[in-house]
Amino acid sequence: MKDKDIHKVIETLREMTSRWETPVVGIVAQTSRNPFMILISCILSLRTKDKTTSQASERLFALANNPNDMLTLKPKDIEKAIYPAGFYRNKARTILEISRQLVEKYNSQVPDDIDELLKMKGVGRKTANLVVTLGYGRPGICVDTHVHRISNRLGYISTKTPEQTEKALRRKLPLKYWMEYNKLLVLFGQHICLPVSPKCSQCPINPFCDRVGVKRSR
């Protein structure tokens, strides 16, 4: 893929993904703009399908939508609210620990800095970038499995790990696309550019794609 083609690719992805439902963390951001709720939704979404995450988030936030109120809940209360999210017992403990850190160290406010967010239990770069971009409207590049896979499959970058992908995209991807890049590629990766046997025959950005690593497609 030629570097200049990224503009056409983004334009095409915007049009194509507009008919698909926004990922649950994005919906939380659209409805609340509450960095704490976005952070907790990110934690709940790990290894969990969007529908389950959405329902778990709704039940939990009906009980508490800020760190102070969250700390009034018992682990069993949170477990019950978020079940059947993956690793729900571990996530309940993580949510309480994050809430405790926010109250004790950050005056109950979610940091707007990636490095500060990374100091918190259970928060990786993917989550930190999502909180910064969706919660505070600041530039960041959230790299999950879809962003890592598709960016390399296109031939736009050549990296081995999500961390390397984030660094490469920060150097190469125009700043104006940073905040929407994750959402576009997540939806594209869920519907068309699948991990195994992607739907290349249905893909409108196929002409720009180097199809790196694609051995079988539809």
N, C-alpha and C. Protein backbone atom coordinates (compact mmCIF):
# COMPACT_ATOMS: atom_id res chain seq x y z
N MET A 1 0.84 -1.19 0.00
CA MET A 1 0.00 0.00 0.00
C MET A 1 0.88 1.25 0.00
N LYS A 2 0.57 2.17 -0.86
CA LYS A 2 1.32 3.42 -0.91
C LYS A 2 0.84 4.35 0.21
N ASP A 3 1.78 5.10 0.76
CA ASP A 3 1.44 5.98 1.88
C ASP A 3 0.31 6.94 1.53
N LYS A 4 0.31 7.45 0.32
CA LYS A 4 -0.69 8.43 -0.07
C LYS A 4 -2.10 7.84 -0.12
N ASP A 5 -2.20 6.51 -0.22
CA ASP A 5 -3.51 5.86 -0.33
C ASP A 5 -4.27 5.87 0.99
N ILE A 6 -3.61 6.19 2.10
CA ILE A 6 -4.29 6.16 3.40
C ILE A 6 -5.49 7.10 3.43
N HIS A 7 -5.42 8.19 2.70
CA HIS A 7 -6.54 9.14 2.70
C HIS A 7 -7.77 8.52 2.04
N LYS A 8 -7.57 7.83 0.94
CA LYS A 8 -8.69 7.17 0.27
C LYS A 8 -9.21 6.00 1.09
N VAL A 9 -8.30 5.29 1.74
CA VAL A 9 -8.70 4.16 2.58
C VAL A 9 -9.57 4.64 3.74
N ILE A 10 -9.16 5.70 4.41
CA ILE A 10 -9.94 6.23 5.53
C ILE A 10 -11.30 6.71 5.05
N GLU A 11 -11.34 7.41 3.95
CA GLU A 11 -12.60 7.90 3.40
C GLU A 11 -13.55 6.75 3.09
N THR A 12 -13.01 5.69 2.51
CA THR A 12 -13.82 4.52 2.15
C THR A 12 -14.31 3.80 3.40
N LEU A 13 -13.45 3.66 4.39
CA LEU A 13 -13.84 3.00 5.64
C LEU A 13 -14.92 3.79 6.37
N ARG A 14 -14.83 5.10 6.36
CA ARG A 14 -15.88 5.93 6.98
C ARG A 14 -17.24 5.62 6.38
N GLU A 15 -17.28 5.58 5.07
CA GLU A 15 -18.55 5.34 4.38
C GLU A 15 -19.06 3.93 4.65
N MET A 16 -18.15 2.94 4.59
CA MET A 16 -18.55 1.55 4.75
C MET A 16 -19.01 1.25 6.17
N THR A 17 -18.30 1.76 7.17
CA THR A 17 -18.61 1.40 8.55
C THR A 17 -19.76 2.21 9.15
N SER A 18 -20.23 3.21 8.44
CA SER A 18 -21.31 4.06 8.97
C SER A 18 -22.61 3.28 9.18
N ARG A 19 -22.74 2.15 8.51
CA ARG A 19 -23.98 1.37 8.63
C ARG A 19 -23.90 0.30 9.72
N TRP A 20 -22.73 0.19 10.35
CA TRP A 20 -22.55 -0.82 11.40
C TRP A 20 -22.61 -0.18 12.78
N GLU A 21 -23.00 -0.94 13.76
CA GLU A 21 -23.17 -0.43 15.12
C GLU A 21 -21.81 -0.10 15.74
N THR A 22 -21.75 1.04 16.40
CA THR A 22 -20.53 1.49 17.05
C THR A 22 -20.14 0.53 18.18
N PRO A 23 -18.85 0.22 18.35
CA PRO A 23 -18.42 -0.62 19.49
C PRO A 23 -18.90 -0.02 20.81
N VAL A 24 -19.13 -0.89 21.79
CA VAL A 24 -19.81 -0.48 23.02
C VAL A 24 -19.07 0.64 23.75
N VAL A 25 -17.75 0.63 23.77
CA VAL A 25 -17.02 1.68 24.47
C VAL A 25 -17.27 3.03 23.80
N GLY A 26 -17.39 3.01 22.48
CA GLY A 26 -17.70 4.23 21.76
C GLY A 26 -19.10 4.74 22.07
N ILE A 27 -20.03 3.83 22.28
CA ILE A 27 -21.40 4.22 22.64
C ILE A 27 -21.41 4.87 24.02
N VAL A 28 -20.66 4.30 24.95
CA VAL A 28 -20.55 4.90 26.29
C VAL A 28 -20.01 6.32 26.18
N ALA A 29 -18.99 6.49 25.33
CA ALA A 29 -18.40 7.82 25.15
C ALA A 29 -19.40 8.80 24.56
N GLN A 30 -20.19 8.34 23.60
CA GLN A 30 -21.16 9.21 22.95
C GLN A 30 -22.27 9.65 23.91
N THR A 31 -22.65 8.76 24.82
CA THR A 31 -23.79 9.05 25.69
C THR A 31 -23.41 9.73 26.99
N SER A 32 -22.15 9.57 27.44
CA SER A 32 -21.82 10.10 28.76
C SER A 32 -20.62 11.04 28.79
N ARG A 33 -19.63 10.79 27.95
CA ARG A 33 -18.38 11.55 27.99
C ARG A 33 -17.77 11.50 29.39
N ASN A 34 -18.02 10.40 30.09
CA ASN A 34 -17.53 10.21 31.45
C ASN A 34 -16.29 9.34 31.40
N PRO A 35 -15.09 9.92 31.65
CA PRO A 35 -13.85 9.13 31.54
C PRO A 35 -13.83 7.89 32.42
N PHE A 36 -14.46 7.97 33.60
CA PHE A 36 -14.49 6.80 34.48
C PHE A 36 -15.31 5.68 33.86
N MET A 37 -16.47 6.01 33.33
CA MET A 37 -17.30 4.99 32.70
C MET A 37 -16.63 4.39 31.47
N ILE A 38 -15.93 5.23 30.72
CA ILE A 38 -15.19 4.74 29.56
C ILE A 38 -14.09 3.79 30.00
N LEU A 39 -13.36 4.16 31.05
CA LEU A 39 -12.29 3.32 31.57
C LEU A 39 -12.82 1.97 32.03
N ILE A 40 -13.89 1.98 32.79
CA ILE A 40 -14.44 0.72 33.30
C ILE A 40 -15.03 -0.12 32.17
N SER A 41 -15.66 0.51 31.20
CA SER A 41 -16.18 -0.24 30.04
C SER A 41 -15.05 -0.91 29.28
N CYS A 42 -13.91 -0.23 29.18
CA CYS A 42 -12.75 -0.83 28.53
C CYS A 42 -12.28 -2.07 29.28
N ILE A 43 -12.25 -1.97 30.61
CA ILE A 43 -11.85 -3.12 31.42
C ILE A 43 -12.82 -4.29 31.20
N LEU A 44 -14.11 -3.98 31.18
CA LEU A 44 -15.12 -5.03 30.99
C LEU A 44 -15.05 -5.66 29.60
N SER A 45 -14.62 -4.88 28.61
CA SER A 45 -14.64 -5.35 27.23
C SER A 45 -13.54 -6.35 26.90
N LEU A 46 -12.52 -6.42 27.74
CA LEU A 46 -11.39 -7.31 27.46
C LEU A 46 -11.86 -8.76 27.41
N ARG A 47 -11.60 -9.40 26.29
CA ARG A 47 -11.98 -10.80 26.07
C ARG A 47 -13.47 -11.04 26.28
N THR A 48 -14.27 -10.07 25.91
CA THR A 48 -15.72 -10.18 26.07
C THR A 48 -16.41 -9.58 24.86
N LYS A 49 -17.47 -10.21 24.39
CA LYS A 49 -18.19 -9.70 23.23
C LYS A 49 -18.91 -8.40 23.55
N ASP A 50 -19.12 -7.60 22.52
CA ASP A 50 -19.70 -6.27 22.70
C ASP A 50 -21.07 -6.32 23.39
N LYS A 51 -21.91 -7.25 22.98
CA LYS A 51 -23.26 -7.32 23.55
C LYS A 51 -23.19 -7.58 25.05
N THR A 52 -22.32 -8.49 25.44
CA THR A 52 -22.17 -8.81 26.87
C THR A 52 -21.60 -7.63 27.62
N THR A 53 -20.61 -6.96 27.02
CA THR A 53 -20.00 -5.78 27.64
C THR A 53 -21.04 -4.68 27.84
N SER A 54 -21.87 -4.47 26.84
CA SER A 54 -22.88 -3.43 26.91
C SER A 54 -23.86 -3.68 28.05
N GLN A 55 -24.33 -4.91 28.15
CA GLN A 55 -25.29 -5.25 29.20
C GLN A 55 -24.65 -5.18 30.58
N ALA A 56 -23.40 -5.66 30.69
CA ALA A 56 -22.70 -5.62 31.97
C ALA A 56 -22.44 -4.18 32.41
N SER A 57 -22.04 -3.34 31.46
CA SER A 57 -21.78 -1.93 31.78
C SER A 57 -23.05 -1.25 32.27
N GLU A 58 -24.14 -1.51 31.59
CA GLU A 58 -25.41 -0.89 31.96
C GLU A 58 -25.83 -1.28 33.39
N ARG A 59 -25.69 -2.55 33.72
CA ARG A 59 -26.07 -3.01 35.06
C ARG A 59 -25.14 -2.41 36.12
N LEU A 60 -23.85 -2.38 35.83
CA LEU A 60 -22.91 -1.86 36.81
C LEU A 60 -23.08 -0.36 37.03
N PHE A 61 -23.24 0.39 35.96
CA PHE A 61 -23.34 1.84 36.10
C PHE A 61 -24.68 2.28 36.71
N ALA A 62 -25.64 1.38 36.71
CA ALA A 62 -26.89 1.67 37.42
C ALA A 62 -26.65 1.65 38.93
N LEU A 63 -25.59 0.93 39.34
CA LEU A 63 -25.22 0.86 40.76
C LEU A 63 -24.23 1.96 41.13
N ALA A 64 -23.29 2.23 40.23
CA ALA A 64 -22.24 3.22 40.52
C ALA A 64 -21.59 3.67 39.22
N ASN A 65 -21.48 4.97 39.03
CA ASN A 65 -20.83 5.48 37.82
C ASN A 65 -19.68 6.44 38.12
N ASN A 66 -19.17 6.34 39.35
CA ASN A 66 -18.00 7.13 39.74
C ASN A 66 -17.22 6.32 40.77
N PRO A 67 -15.93 6.63 40.94
CA PRO A 67 -15.10 5.79 41.83
C PRO A 67 -15.54 5.79 43.28
N ASN A 68 -16.04 6.89 43.79
CA ASN A 68 -16.48 6.93 45.18
C ASN A 68 -17.64 5.99 45.43
N ASP A 69 -18.63 6.03 44.56
CA ASP A 69 -19.78 5.14 44.72
C ASP A 69 -19.38 3.68 44.48
N MET A 70 -18.44 3.47 43.55
CA MET A 70 -18.01 2.10 43.26
C MET A 70 -17.41 1.45 44.50
N LEU A 71 -16.70 2.24 45.29
CA LEU A 71 -16.05 1.70 46.49
C LEU A 71 -17.04 1.33 47.59
N THR A 72 -18.29 1.74 47.46
CA THR A 72 -19.30 1.34 48.43
C THR A 72 -19.84 -0.07 48.13
N LEU A 73 -19.51 -0.59 46.97
CA LEU A 73 -19.99 -1.91 46.58
C LEU A 73 -19.04 -3.00 47.05
N LYS A 74 -19.59 -4.15 47.29
CA LYS A 74 -18.78 -5.32 47.63
C LYS A 74 -18.39 -6.04 46.34
N PRO A 75 -17.28 -6.79 46.38
CA PRO A 75 -16.87 -7.54 45.18
C PRO A 75 -18.00 -8.38 44.61
N LYS A 76 -18.79 -9.01 45.47
CA LYS A 76 -19.88 -9.87 45.00
C LYS A 76 -20.95 -9.06 44.26
N ASP A 77 -21.16 -7.81 44.69
CA ASP A 77 -22.13 -6.95 44.01
C ASP A 77 -21.69 -6.68 42.57
N ILE A 78 -20.40 -6.38 42.41
CA ILE A 78 -19.87 -6.09 41.08
C ILE A 78 -19.86 -7.35 40.23
N GLU A 79 -19.45 -8.46 40.82
CA GLU A 79 -19.44 -9.73 40.08
C GLU A 79 -20.83 -10.05 39.53
N LYS A 80 -21.83 -9.88 40.36
CA LYS A 80 -23.21 -10.17 39.95
C LYS A 80 -23.64 -9.24 38.82
N ALA A 81 -23.24 -7.98 38.90
CA ALA A 81 -23.65 -7.00 37.89
C ALA A 81 -23.00 -7.26 36.54
N ILE A 82 -21.74 -7.68 36.55
CA ILE A 82 -21.01 -7.79 35.27
C ILE A 82 -21.02 -9.19 34.68
N TYR A 83 -21.45 -10.19 35.44
CA TYR A 83 -21.55 -11.55 34.90
C TYR A 83 -22.50 -11.57 33.71
N PRO A 84 -22.17 -12.26 32.58
CA PRO A 84 -21.09 -13.22 32.37
C PRO A 84 -19.88 -12.67 31.60
N ALA A 85 -19.48 -11.44 31.83
CA ALA A 85 -18.27 -10.92 31.20
C ALA A 85 -17.09 -11.84 31.51
N GLY A 86 -16.20 -12.00 30.55
CA GLY A 86 -15.05 -12.87 30.75
C GLY A 86 -14.23 -12.46 31.96
N PHE A 87 -13.80 -13.46 32.75
CA PHE A 87 -12.97 -13.22 33.94
C PHE A 87 -13.63 -12.20 34.88
N TYR A 88 -14.92 -12.36 35.08
CA TYR A 88 -15.69 -11.35 35.82
C TYR A 88 -15.22 -11.20 37.26
N ARG A 89 -14.74 -12.26 37.88
CA ARG A 89 -14.26 -12.12 39.26
C ARG A 89 -13.00 -11.27 39.31
N ASN A 90 -12.06 -11.54 38.39
CA ASN A 90 -10.84 -10.73 38.34
C ASN A 90 -11.15 -9.28 37.99
N LYS A 91 -12.09 -9.09 37.09
CA LYS A 91 -12.45 -7.73 36.68
C LYS A 91 -13.10 -6.96 37.82
N ALA A 92 -13.87 -7.65 38.64
CA ALA A 92 -14.49 -6.99 39.79
C ALA A 92 -13.42 -6.47 40.74
N ARG A 93 -12.40 -7.28 40.99
CA ARG A 93 -11.30 -6.85 41.86
C ARG A 93 -10.53 -5.69 41.22
N THR A 94 -10.33 -5.77 39.93
CA THR A 94 -9.61 -4.71 39.22
C THR A 94 -10.38 -3.40 39.29
N ILE A 95 -11.68 -3.47 39.09
CA ILE A 95 -12.52 -2.26 39.13
C ILE A 95 -12.45 -1.59 40.50
N LEU A 96 -12.47 -2.40 41.54
CA LEU A 96 -12.38 -1.83 42.89
C LEU A 96 -11.00 -1.23 43.15
N GLU A 97 -9.95 -1.90 42.67
CA GLU A 97 -8.60 -1.37 42.87
C GLU A 97 -8.40 -0.08 42.10
N ILE A 98 -8.90 -0.02 40.87
CA ILE A 98 -8.82 1.22 40.09
C ILE A 98 -9.57 2.34 40.80
N SER A 99 -10.74 2.04 41.29
CA SER A 99 -11.53 3.05 42.00
C SER A 99 -10.79 3.55 43.24
N ARG A 100 -10.17 2.62 43.96
CA ARG A 100 -9.41 3.00 45.15
C ARG A 100 -8.24 3.93 44.78
N GLN A 101 -7.51 3.58 43.71
CA GLN A 101 -6.39 4.41 43.27
C GLN A 101 -6.85 5.80 42.85
N LEU A 102 -7.97 5.85 42.15
CA LEU A 102 -8.49 7.14 41.70
C LEU A 102 -8.84 8.04 42.88
N VAL A 103 -9.47 7.45 43.89
CA VAL A 103 -9.88 8.23 45.07
C VAL A 103 -8.65 8.68 45.86
N GLU A 104 -7.71 7.77 46.08
CA GLU A 104 -6.58 8.06 46.96
C GLU A 104 -5.47 8.88 46.30
N LYS A 105 -5.27 8.67 45.00
CA LYS A 105 -4.12 9.32 44.35
C LYS A 105 -4.49 10.42 43.36
N TYR A 106 -5.73 10.39 42.86
CA TYR A 106 -6.08 11.32 41.78
C TYR A 106 -7.33 12.15 42.08
N ASN A 107 -7.66 12.27 43.37
CA ASN A 107 -8.81 13.09 43.76
C ASN A 107 -10.08 12.67 43.03
N SER A 108 -10.21 11.38 42.82
CA SER A 108 -11.39 10.76 42.18
C SER A 108 -11.54 11.11 40.70
N GLN A 109 -10.48 11.65 40.10
CA GLN A 109 -10.52 12.02 38.69
C GLN A 109 -9.64 11.08 37.86
N VAL A 110 -10.16 10.61 36.74
CA VAL A 110 -9.38 9.75 35.85
C VAL A 110 -8.31 10.60 35.17
N PRO A 111 -7.05 10.20 35.23
CA PRO A 111 -5.99 10.97 34.58
C PRO A 111 -6.22 11.08 33.07
N ASP A 112 -5.78 12.20 32.50
CA ASP A 112 -5.89 12.39 31.05
C ASP A 112 -4.55 12.16 30.37
N ASP A 113 -3.65 11.50 31.08
CA ASP A 113 -2.29 11.24 30.58
C ASP A 113 -2.05 9.74 30.48
N ILE A 114 -1.56 9.28 29.34
CA ILE A 114 -1.37 7.86 29.11
C ILE A 114 -0.42 7.24 30.12
N ASP A 115 0.68 7.90 30.41
CA ASP A 115 1.65 7.35 31.36
C ASP A 115 1.06 7.19 32.75
N GLU A 116 0.23 8.13 33.16
CA GLU A 116 -0.41 8.02 34.47
C GLU A 116 -1.43 6.88 34.48
N LEU A 117 -2.17 6.75 33.42
CA LEU A 117 -3.15 5.68 33.32
C LEU A 117 -2.48 4.31 33.37
N LEU A 118 -1.31 4.20 32.78
CA LEU A 118 -0.60 2.92 32.74
C LEU A 118 -0.12 2.48 34.12
N LYS A 119 -0.11 3.37 35.09
CA LYS A 119 0.29 3.03 36.44
C LYS A 119 -0.81 2.28 37.19
N MET A 120 -2.00 2.27 36.62
CA MET A 120 -3.14 1.68 37.29
C MET A 120 -3.29 0.20 36.95
N LYS A 121 -3.78 -0.56 37.91
CA LYS A 121 -3.95 -2.00 37.74
C LYS A 121 -4.87 -2.31 36.57
N GLY A 122 -4.42 -3.22 35.69
CA GLY A 122 -5.26 -3.69 34.60
C GLY A 122 -5.37 -2.77 33.41
N VAL A 123 -4.65 -1.65 33.44
CA VAL A 123 -4.73 -0.69 32.33
C VAL A 123 -3.50 -0.83 31.43
N GLY A 124 -3.75 -1.25 30.19
CA GLY A 124 -2.69 -1.35 29.20
C GLY A 124 -2.77 -0.18 28.23
N ARG A 125 -1.93 -0.19 27.23
CA ARG A 125 -1.86 0.93 26.30
C ARG A 125 -3.16 1.07 25.49
N LYS A 126 -3.78 -0.05 25.15
CA LYS A 126 -5.04 0.01 24.41
C LYS A 126 -6.09 0.79 25.22
N THR A 127 -6.25 0.40 26.47
CA THR A 127 -7.23 1.06 27.33
C THR A 127 -6.86 2.52 27.57
N ALA A 128 -5.60 2.77 27.85
CA ALA A 128 -5.15 4.14 28.13
C ALA A 128 -5.42 5.06 26.94
N ASN A 129 -5.13 4.59 25.75
CA ASN A 129 -5.37 5.41 24.55
C ASN A 129 -6.86 5.66 24.34
N LEU A 130 -7.69 4.66 24.59
CA LEU A 130 -9.14 4.84 24.43
C LEU A 130 -9.68 5.86 25.42
N VAL A 131 -9.20 5.82 26.65
CA VAL A 131 -9.67 6.78 27.65
C VAL A 131 -9.27 8.19 27.26
N VAL A 132 -8.05 8.35 26.81
CA VAL A 132 -7.56 9.68 26.42
C VAL A 132 -8.32 10.22 25.22
N THR A 133 -8.56 9.37 24.23
CA THR A 133 -9.23 9.84 23.01
C THR A 133 -10.73 10.02 23.21
N LEU A 134 -11.39 9.01 23.77
CA LEU A 134 -12.85 9.06 23.92
C LEU A 134 -13.29 9.86 25.13
N GLY A 135 -12.50 9.82 26.19
CA GLY A 135 -12.88 10.51 27.41
C GLY A 135 -12.49 11.97 27.45
N TYR A 136 -11.37 12.29 26.80
CA TYR A 136 -10.87 13.67 26.87
C TYR A 136 -10.69 14.34 25.51
N GLY A 137 -10.95 13.61 24.43
CA GLY A 137 -10.86 14.21 23.11
C GLY A 137 -9.45 14.59 22.71
N ARG A 138 -8.47 13.87 23.27
CA ARG A 138 -7.07 14.15 22.97
C ARG A 138 -6.54 13.10 22.00
N PRO A 139 -5.60 13.47 21.14
CA PRO A 139 -5.07 12.52 20.14
C PRO A 139 -4.40 11.31 20.79
N GLY A 140 -4.70 10.16 20.25
CA GLY A 140 -4.09 8.91 20.69
C GLY A 140 -4.41 7.84 19.67
N ILE A 141 -3.65 6.77 19.69
CA ILE A 141 -3.89 5.66 18.75
C ILE A 141 -4.05 4.39 19.56
N CYS A 142 -5.25 3.90 19.60
CA CYS A 142 -5.55 2.66 20.32
C CYS A 142 -5.30 1.47 19.39
N VAL A 143 -4.37 0.62 19.78
CA VAL A 143 -4.03 -0.54 18.96
C VAL A 143 -4.54 -1.81 19.62
N ASP A 144 -5.53 -2.42 19.00
CA ASP A 144 -5.98 -3.74 19.44
C ASP A 144 -5.64 -4.74 18.34
N THR A 145 -6.19 -5.93 18.44
CA THR A 145 -5.84 -6.98 17.48
C THR A 145 -6.24 -6.61 16.05
N HIS A 146 -7.35 -5.89 15.89
CA HIS A 146 -7.80 -5.49 14.56
C HIS A 146 -6.86 -4.45 13.95
N VAL A 147 -6.53 -3.43 14.71
CA VAL A 147 -5.65 -2.36 14.22
C VAL A 147 -4.28 -2.93 13.87
N HIS A 148 -3.75 -3.79 14.72
CA HIS A 148 -2.44 -4.39 14.47
C HIS A 148 -2.47 -5.25 13.21
N ARG A 149 -3.47 -6.12 13.11
CA ARG A 149 -3.55 -7.04 11.98
C ARG A 149 -3.76 -6.31 10.66
N ILE A 150 -4.73 -5.42 10.63
CA ILE A 150 -5.12 -4.79 9.37
C ILE A 150 -4.08 -3.79 8.88
N SER A 151 -3.49 -3.05 9.80
CA SER A 151 -2.45 -2.08 9.39
C SER A 151 -1.29 -2.79 8.71
N ASN A 152 -0.95 -3.98 9.22
CA ASN A 152 0.12 -4.77 8.61
C ASN A 152 -0.34 -5.47 7.35
N ARG A 153 -1.57 -5.96 7.35
CA ARG A 153 -2.10 -6.66 6.17
C ARG A 153 -2.18 -5.72 4.97
N LEU A 154 -2.54 -4.49 5.23
CA LEU A 154 -2.58 -3.49 4.16
C LEU A 154 -1.20 -3.22 3.57
N GLY A 155 -0.17 -3.43 4.39
CA GLY A 155 1.17 -3.07 3.98
C GLY A 155 1.51 -1.63 4.31
N TYR A 156 0.66 -1.01 5.14
CA TYR A 156 0.89 0.39 5.53
C TYR A 156 2.08 0.48 6.49
N ILE A 157 2.20 -0.52 7.36
CA ILE A 157 3.35 -0.63 8.25
C ILE A 157 3.80 -2.08 8.26
N SER A 158 4.95 -2.34 8.90
CA SER A 158 5.46 -3.71 9.03
C SER A 158 6.01 -3.86 10.44
N THR A 159 5.19 -4.44 11.33
CA THR A 159 5.56 -4.57 12.74
C THR A 159 5.18 -5.96 13.25
N LYS A 160 5.76 -6.30 14.40
CA LYS A 160 5.53 -7.63 14.97
C LYS A 160 4.61 -7.61 16.19
N THR A 161 4.54 -6.48 16.87
CA THR A 161 3.75 -6.42 18.11
C THR A 161 2.85 -5.19 18.10
N PRO A 162 1.78 -5.20 18.92
CA PRO A 162 0.92 -4.02 19.03
C PRO A 162 1.68 -2.78 19.48
N GLU A 163 2.66 -2.95 20.37
CA GLU A 163 3.45 -1.81 20.82
C GLU A 163 4.23 -1.19 19.67
N GLN A 164 4.83 -2.02 18.84
CA GLN A 164 5.55 -1.53 17.67
C GLN A 164 4.58 -0.87 16.68
N THR A 165 3.38 -1.43 16.57
CA THR A 165 2.38 -0.86 15.67
C THR A 165 1.98 0.54 16.12
N GLU A 166 1.77 0.74 17.41
CA GLU A 166 1.41 2.06 17.91
C GLU A 166 2.51 3.08 17.58
N LYS A 167 3.76 2.71 17.83
CA LYS A 167 4.87 3.62 17.55
C LYS A 167 4.96 3.94 16.06
N ALA A 168 4.78 2.91 15.23
CA ALA A 168 4.87 3.12 13.78
C ALA A 168 3.74 4.02 13.28
N LEU A 169 2.54 3.80 13.80
CA LEU A 169 1.40 4.62 13.38
C LEU A 169 1.54 6.06 13.87
N ARG A 170 2.09 6.24 15.06
CA ARG A 170 2.31 7.60 15.55
C ARG A 170 3.28 8.36 14.66
N ARG A 171 4.21 7.64 14.07
CA ARG A 171 5.17 8.29 13.17
C ARG A 171 4.57 8.55 11.79
N LYS A 172 3.66 7.68 11.37
CA LYS A 172 3.26 7.68 9.96
C LYS A 172 1.83 8.15 9.70
N LEU A 173 0.89 7.77 10.55
CA LEU A 173 -0.52 8.09 10.30
C LEU A 173 -0.77 9.57 10.54
N PRO A 174 -1.37 10.27 9.60
CA PRO A 174 -1.68 11.69 9.81
C PRO A 174 -2.50 11.90 11.09
N LEU A 175 -2.13 12.92 11.85
CA LEU A 175 -2.74 13.19 13.15
C LEU A 175 -4.26 13.30 13.08
N LYS A 176 -4.78 13.82 11.98
CA LYS A 176 -6.22 14.03 11.87
C LYS A 176 -7.02 12.73 11.87
N TYR A 177 -6.34 11.60 11.65
CA TYR A 177 -7.03 10.31 11.62
C TYR A 177 -6.87 9.53 12.93
N TRP A 178 -6.05 9.98 13.83
CA TRP A 178 -5.73 9.18 15.02
C TRP A 178 -6.96 8.77 15.81
N MET A 179 -7.85 9.69 16.08
CA MET A 179 -8.94 9.41 17.01
C MET A 179 -10.01 8.48 16.44
N GLU A 180 -10.12 8.40 15.14
CA GLU A 180 -11.14 7.54 14.54
C GLU A 180 -10.58 6.22 14.02
N TYR A 181 -9.27 6.10 13.97
CA TYR A 181 -8.62 4.95 13.34
C TYR A 181 -9.04 3.64 13.99
N ASN A 182 -9.07 3.60 15.31
CA ASN A 182 -9.43 2.36 16.01
C ASN A 182 -10.86 1.93 15.68
N LYS A 183 -11.79 2.85 15.80
CA LYS A 183 -13.19 2.51 15.53
C LYS A 183 -13.38 1.99 14.11
N LEU A 184 -12.77 2.65 13.14
CA LEU A 184 -12.91 2.24 11.74
C LEU A 184 -12.36 0.83 11.51
N LEU A 185 -11.18 0.56 12.06
CA LEU A 185 -10.56 -0.74 11.81
C LEU A 185 -11.18 -1.86 12.63
N VAL A 186 -11.71 -1.53 13.81
CA VAL A 186 -12.40 -2.56 14.59
C VAL A 186 -13.65 -3.04 13.84
N LEU A 187 -14.46 -2.11 13.38
CA LEU A 187 -15.67 -2.48 12.64
C LEU A 187 -15.32 -3.20 11.34
N PHE A 188 -14.33 -2.70 10.64
CA PHE A 188 -13.88 -3.32 9.39
C PHE A 188 -13.36 -4.73 9.66
N GLY A 189 -12.63 -4.90 10.75
CA GLY A 189 -12.08 -6.20 11.09
C GLY A 189 -13.12 -7.19 11.56
N GLN A 190 -14.21 -6.70 12.14
CA GLN A 190 -15.28 -7.58 12.61
C GLN A 190 -16.17 -8.07 11.46
N HIS A 191 -16.30 -7.25 10.41
CA HIS A 191 -17.25 -7.57 9.35
C HIS A 191 -16.62 -8.03 8.02
N ILE A 192 -15.46 -7.50 7.68
CA ILE A 192 -14.88 -7.78 6.37
C ILE A 192 -13.47 -8.38 6.46
N CYS A 193 -12.56 -7.67 7.11
CA CYS A 193 -11.16 -8.08 7.15
C CYS A 193 -10.93 -9.01 8.34
N LEU A 194 -11.52 -10.20 8.24
CA LEU A 194 -11.49 -11.17 9.32
C LEU A 194 -10.08 -11.75 9.50
N PRO A 195 -9.78 -12.24 10.70
CA PRO A 195 -8.44 -12.81 10.94
C PRO A 195 -8.09 -13.94 9.99
N VAL A 196 -9.05 -14.85 9.78
CA VAL A 196 -8.85 -15.98 8.89
C VAL A 196 -9.85 -15.89 7.73
N SER A 197 -9.38 -16.06 6.53
CA SER A 197 -10.22 -16.00 5.34
C SER A 197 -11.03 -14.70 5.26
N PRO A 198 -10.34 -13.58 5.13
CA PRO A 198 -11.04 -12.29 5.00
C PRO A 198 -11.88 -12.24 3.73
N LYS A 199 -12.89 -11.38 3.74
CA LYS A 199 -13.82 -11.27 2.61
C LYS A 199 -13.29 -10.28 1.56
N CYS A 200 -12.17 -10.64 0.95
CA CYS A 200 -11.50 -9.74 0.01
C CYS A 200 -12.36 -9.41 -1.20
N SER A 201 -13.20 -10.35 -1.61
CA SER A 201 -14.04 -10.11 -2.79
C SER A 201 -15.11 -9.05 -2.54
N GLN A 202 -15.41 -8.80 -1.25
CA GLN A 202 -16.41 -7.79 -0.89
C GLN A 202 -15.78 -6.48 -0.42
N CYS A 203 -14.45 -6.41 -0.43
CA CYS A 203 -13.74 -5.32 0.22
C CYS A 203 -13.48 -4.15 -0.74
N PRO A 204 -14.01 -2.97 -0.44
CA PRO A 204 -13.82 -1.82 -1.32
C PRO A 204 -12.42 -1.21 -1.26
N ILE A 205 -11.61 -1.60 -0.24
CA ILE A 205 -10.24 -1.08 -0.22
C ILE A 205 -9.24 -2.13 -0.72
N ASN A 206 -9.76 -3.21 -1.28
CA ASN A 206 -8.92 -4.26 -1.84
C ASN A 206 -7.88 -3.72 -2.84
N PRO A 207 -8.23 -2.75 -3.70
CA PRO A 207 -7.26 -2.24 -4.67
C PRO A 207 -6.03 -1.60 -4.02
N PHE A 208 -6.16 -1.17 -2.77
CA PHE A 208 -5.03 -0.51 -2.09
C PHE A 208 -4.24 -1.47 -1.20
N CYS A 209 -4.74 -2.69 -1.03
CA CYS A 209 -4.21 -3.61 -0.02
C CYS A 209 -3.14 -4.54 -0.59
N ASP A 210 -2.04 -4.68 0.16
CA ASP A 210 -0.97 -5.61 -0.24
C ASP A 210 -1.28 -7.05 0.17
N ARG A 211 -2.29 -7.23 1.00
CA ARG A 211 -2.72 -8.57 1.45
C ARG A 211 -1.57 -9.35 2.08
N VAL A 212 -0.80 -8.68 2.88
CA VAL A 212 0.35 -9.30 3.55
C VAL A 212 -0.12 -10.42 4.48
N GLY A 213 0.40 -11.62 4.26
CA GLY A 213 0.07 -12.74 5.12
C GLY A 213 -1.24 -13.43 4.83
N VAL A 214 -2.00 -12.96 3.84
CA VAL A 214 -3.29 -13.57 3.51
C VAL A 214 -3.03 -14.82 2.65
N LYS A 215 -3.38 -15.97 3.19
CA LYS A 215 -3.20 -17.23 2.47
C LYS A 215 -4.50 -17.75 1.89
N ARG A 216 -5.60 -17.35 2.50
CA ARG A 216 -6.91 -17.80 2.03
C ARG A 216 -7.91 -16.67 2.22
N SER A 217 -8.75 -16.44 1.24
CA SER A 217 -9.74 -15.38 1.34
C SER A 217 -11.02 -15.79 0.64
N ARG A 218 -12.05 -14.97 0.86
CA ARG A 218 -13.34 -15.24 0.21
C ARG A 218 -13.68 -14.13 -0.75
